[in-house]
Protein backbone atom coordinates (compact mmCIF):
# COMPACT_ATOMS: atom_id res chain seq x y z
CA MET A 1 -1.42 -24.32 -44.76
CA ARG A 2 0.22 -27.03 -46.78
CA GLU A 3 2.66 -26.40 -49.60
CA GLU A 4 0.21 -27.81 -52.19
CA HIS A 5 -2.25 -25.02 -51.33
CA LEU A 6 0.23 -22.31 -52.26
CA ALA A 7 0.33 -20.60 -55.63
CA GLU A 8 3.43 -20.80 -57.78
CA GLY A 9 6.15 -18.64 -56.25
CA GLU A 10 4.21 -18.21 -53.01
CA THR A 11 6.05 -18.87 -49.74
CA ILE A 12 4.88 -18.89 -46.14
CA VAL A 13 6.32 -16.00 -44.12
CA LEU A 14 4.41 -16.55 -40.85
CA GLN A 15 2.14 -19.37 -39.73
CA LEU A 16 0.52 -18.72 -36.36
CA ARG A 17 -2.12 -20.13 -34.06
CA THR A 18 -4.17 -18.02 -31.68
CA HIS A 19 -2.40 -17.42 -28.39
CA PRO A 20 -2.77 -20.25 -25.82
CA LYS A 21 -4.50 -17.77 -23.50
CA LYS A 22 -7.68 -18.91 -25.31
CA ILE A 23 -7.54 -22.17 -23.37
CA VAL A 24 -6.56 -20.80 -19.93
CA LYS A 25 -10.17 -20.59 -18.68
CA PRO A 26 -11.11 -24.13 -19.79
CA VAL A 27 -7.93 -25.51 -18.18
CA LEU A 28 -8.71 -23.66 -14.93
CA LEU A 29 -12.25 -25.04 -15.05
CA LEU A 30 -10.85 -28.56 -15.38
CA VAL A 31 -8.56 -27.98 -12.39
CA VAL A 32 -11.52 -26.78 -10.30
CA LEU A 33 -13.55 -29.82 -11.35
CA VAL A 34 -10.71 -32.17 -10.38
CA VAL A 35 -10.49 -30.49 -6.96
CA VAL A 36 -14.26 -30.87 -6.53
CA LEU A 37 -14.05 -34.53 -7.53
CA VAL A 38 -11.21 -35.23 -5.10
CA ALA A 39 -13.14 -33.48 -2.33
CA LEU A 40 -16.29 -35.39 -3.26
CA TRP A 41 -14.50 -38.71 -2.80
CA ALA A 42 -12.21 -37.72 0.11
CA VAL A 43 -14.85 -36.24 2.40
CA PRO A 44 -17.16 -38.88 3.85
CA LEU A 45 -20.69 -38.00 2.74
CA PRO A 46 -23.88 -39.70 3.91
CA VAL A 47 -24.84 -40.78 0.36
CA ASP A 48 -24.82 -44.05 -1.51
CA GLN A 49 -21.87 -45.05 -3.66
CA ILE A 50 -24.07 -44.92 -6.78
CA VAL A 51 -24.80 -41.24 -6.14
CA LEU A 52 -21.07 -40.51 -5.90
CA TRP A 53 -20.43 -42.34 -9.18
CA PHE A 54 -23.28 -40.50 -10.87
CA ALA A 55 -22.01 -37.11 -9.61
CA THR A 56 -18.51 -38.03 -10.79
CA ALA A 57 -19.78 -38.98 -14.25
CA VAL A 58 -21.77 -35.73 -14.54
CA LEU A 59 -18.77 -33.60 -13.48
CA VAL A 60 -16.42 -35.39 -15.87
CA LEU A 61 -18.87 -34.98 -18.73
CA LEU A 62 -19.39 -31.29 -17.95
CA GLY A 63 -15.64 -30.74 -17.77
CA LEU A 64 -15.02 -32.44 -21.10
CA VAL A 65 -17.81 -30.52 -22.85
CA ALA A 66 -16.69 -27.19 -21.37
CA ALA A 67 -13.02 -27.69 -22.28
CA ALA A 68 -13.27 -29.54 -25.59
CA GLY A 69 -14.89 -26.74 -27.61
CA PRO A 70 -12.40 -23.98 -26.76
CA PHE A 71 -9.46 -26.38 -27.11
CA LEU A 72 -10.58 -27.59 -30.55
CA ARG A 73 -11.25 -24.01 -31.72
CA TRP A 74 -7.76 -23.04 -30.56
CA ARG A 75 -6.18 -26.04 -32.33
CA THR A 76 -8.03 -25.43 -35.60
CA THR A 77 -7.63 -21.65 -35.94
CA ARG A 78 -4.58 -20.59 -37.94
CA TYR A 79 -3.29 -17.31 -39.31
CA ILE A 80 -1.01 -17.60 -42.33
CA VAL A 81 0.95 -14.76 -43.90
CA THR A 82 2.59 -15.53 -47.23
CA ASN A 83 4.49 -13.30 -49.60
CA GLN A 84 1.20 -12.86 -51.54
CA ARG A 85 -1.71 -12.98 -49.06
CA VAL A 86 -3.02 -13.17 -45.51
CA ALA A 87 -5.17 -16.20 -44.77
CA LEU A 88 -7.44 -17.08 -41.86
CA ARG A 89 -8.39 -20.75 -41.49
CA THR A 90 -10.73 -22.01 -38.82
CA GLY A 91 -13.18 -24.79 -38.19
CA ILE A 92 -13.58 -28.03 -36.29
CA VAL A 93 -15.91 -29.97 -38.59
CA THR A 94 -16.40 -27.51 -41.42
CA GLN A 95 -13.30 -25.53 -42.25
CA THR A 96 -13.78 -21.94 -43.35
CA GLY A 97 -11.25 -19.50 -44.64
CA ARG A 98 -10.76 -15.96 -45.79
CA ASP A 99 -7.85 -14.61 -47.79
CA ILE A 100 -6.82 -11.04 -48.51
CA PRO A 101 -4.19 -10.51 -51.22
CA LEU A 102 -1.37 -8.27 -50.00
CA TYR A 103 -1.85 -5.83 -52.88
CA ARG A 104 -5.40 -5.05 -51.61
CA ILE A 105 -4.37 -4.26 -48.03
CA ASN A 106 -4.53 -0.56 -47.25
CA ASN A 107 -4.40 -0.58 -43.45
CA VAL A 108 -3.05 -2.87 -40.71
CA THR A 109 -3.75 -1.93 -37.09
CA PHE A 110 -3.41 -3.72 -33.78
CA GLU A 111 -5.03 -3.43 -30.39
CA LYS A 112 -3.63 -4.69 -27.09
CA GLN A 113 -5.80 -4.73 -24.00
CA LEU A 114 -4.22 -4.98 -20.55
CA SER A 115 -4.55 -8.78 -20.46
CA ASP A 116 -3.08 -8.94 -23.99
CA ARG A 117 -0.01 -7.04 -22.81
CA PHE A 118 0.44 -9.54 -19.98
CA PHE A 119 0.22 -12.50 -22.38
CA GLY A 120 2.15 -10.85 -25.24
CA CYS A 121 -0.61 -10.95 -27.85
CA GLY A 122 -3.27 -8.71 -29.38
CA THR A 123 -5.89 -8.23 -32.06
CA LEU A 124 -4.82 -7.46 -35.63
CA VAL A 125 -7.27 -5.72 -37.98
CA ILE A 126 -6.51 -5.86 -41.70
CA SER A 127 -8.50 -3.56 -43.99
CA ASP A 128 -8.56 -4.03 -47.74
CA GLY A 129 -10.67 -1.13 -48.99
CA THR A 130 -13.62 -3.30 -50.07
CA ASP A 131 -17.19 -3.31 -48.81
CA GLN A 132 -16.43 -6.27 -46.56
CA PRO A 133 -15.42 -5.56 -42.98
CA GLY A 134 -11.74 -5.91 -42.21
CA MET A 135 -10.24 -9.24 -41.30
CA VAL A 136 -10.01 -9.42 -37.51
CA LEU A 137 -7.38 -11.79 -36.14
CA ASP A 138 -7.90 -12.27 -32.40
CA ASP A 139 -5.17 -13.13 -29.91
CA VAL A 140 -2.27 -12.98 -32.35
CA PRO A 141 0.99 -13.85 -30.56
CA ASN A 142 3.58 -11.05 -30.76
CA VAL A 143 1.06 -8.89 -32.62
CA GLU A 144 3.38 -5.90 -33.11
CA HIS A 145 5.97 -8.05 -34.90
CA VAL A 146 3.25 -9.55 -37.10
CA GLN A 147 1.94 -6.06 -37.95
CA ARG A 148 5.43 -4.82 -38.90
CA THR A 149 6.09 -7.93 -41.00
CA LEU A 150 2.78 -7.53 -42.79
CA GLN A 151 3.36 -3.83 -43.43
CA ASP A 152 6.83 -4.60 -44.81
CA LEU A 153 5.37 -7.23 -47.17
CA VAL A 154 2.67 -4.80 -48.36
CA ARG A 155 5.26 -2.05 -48.90
CA GLN A 156 7.56 -4.43 -50.82
CA GLY A 157 4.66 -5.49 -53.03
CA LYS A 158 3.76 -1.86 -53.78
CA GLN A 159 7.37 -1.02 -54.63
CA LEU A 160 7.55 -3.99 -57.02
CA SER A 161 4.32 -2.95 -58.75
CA ASP A 162 5.55 0.67 -59.11
CA ASP A 163 8.76 -0.45 -60.85
């Protein structure tokens, strides 16, 4: 989030991207495809050169298509916590966003599956007491720290409004 998108007096507290674990599978797929390509060219096969070039082109195209989507989604998904709101921004071509003002937040929970514990991330669910479902932030790095920070900001906002 750029400074010009902030309200007067609003400051960015945390600006995060989904954990890089989102791109582990596509990267592993690319490694497997490279190994297959090397084997395809290293092992003498009783096929024409044109067939090898065609198979290479198909594998490269498949690898790029399979890896590009997850990589671009990872690069374009951001979680921003300011002193006034929580914002989710995502989108490759069309950017979408959802904001929840801190004063509306009534519950912040996290969930860490076994793989999340290994990678040091988790899912953060922010509820705001409206009819809309809570904001679900997947694969948040250091999710427990983010939850504590968010709870502190909400508590500070409530104390200021009570004064």
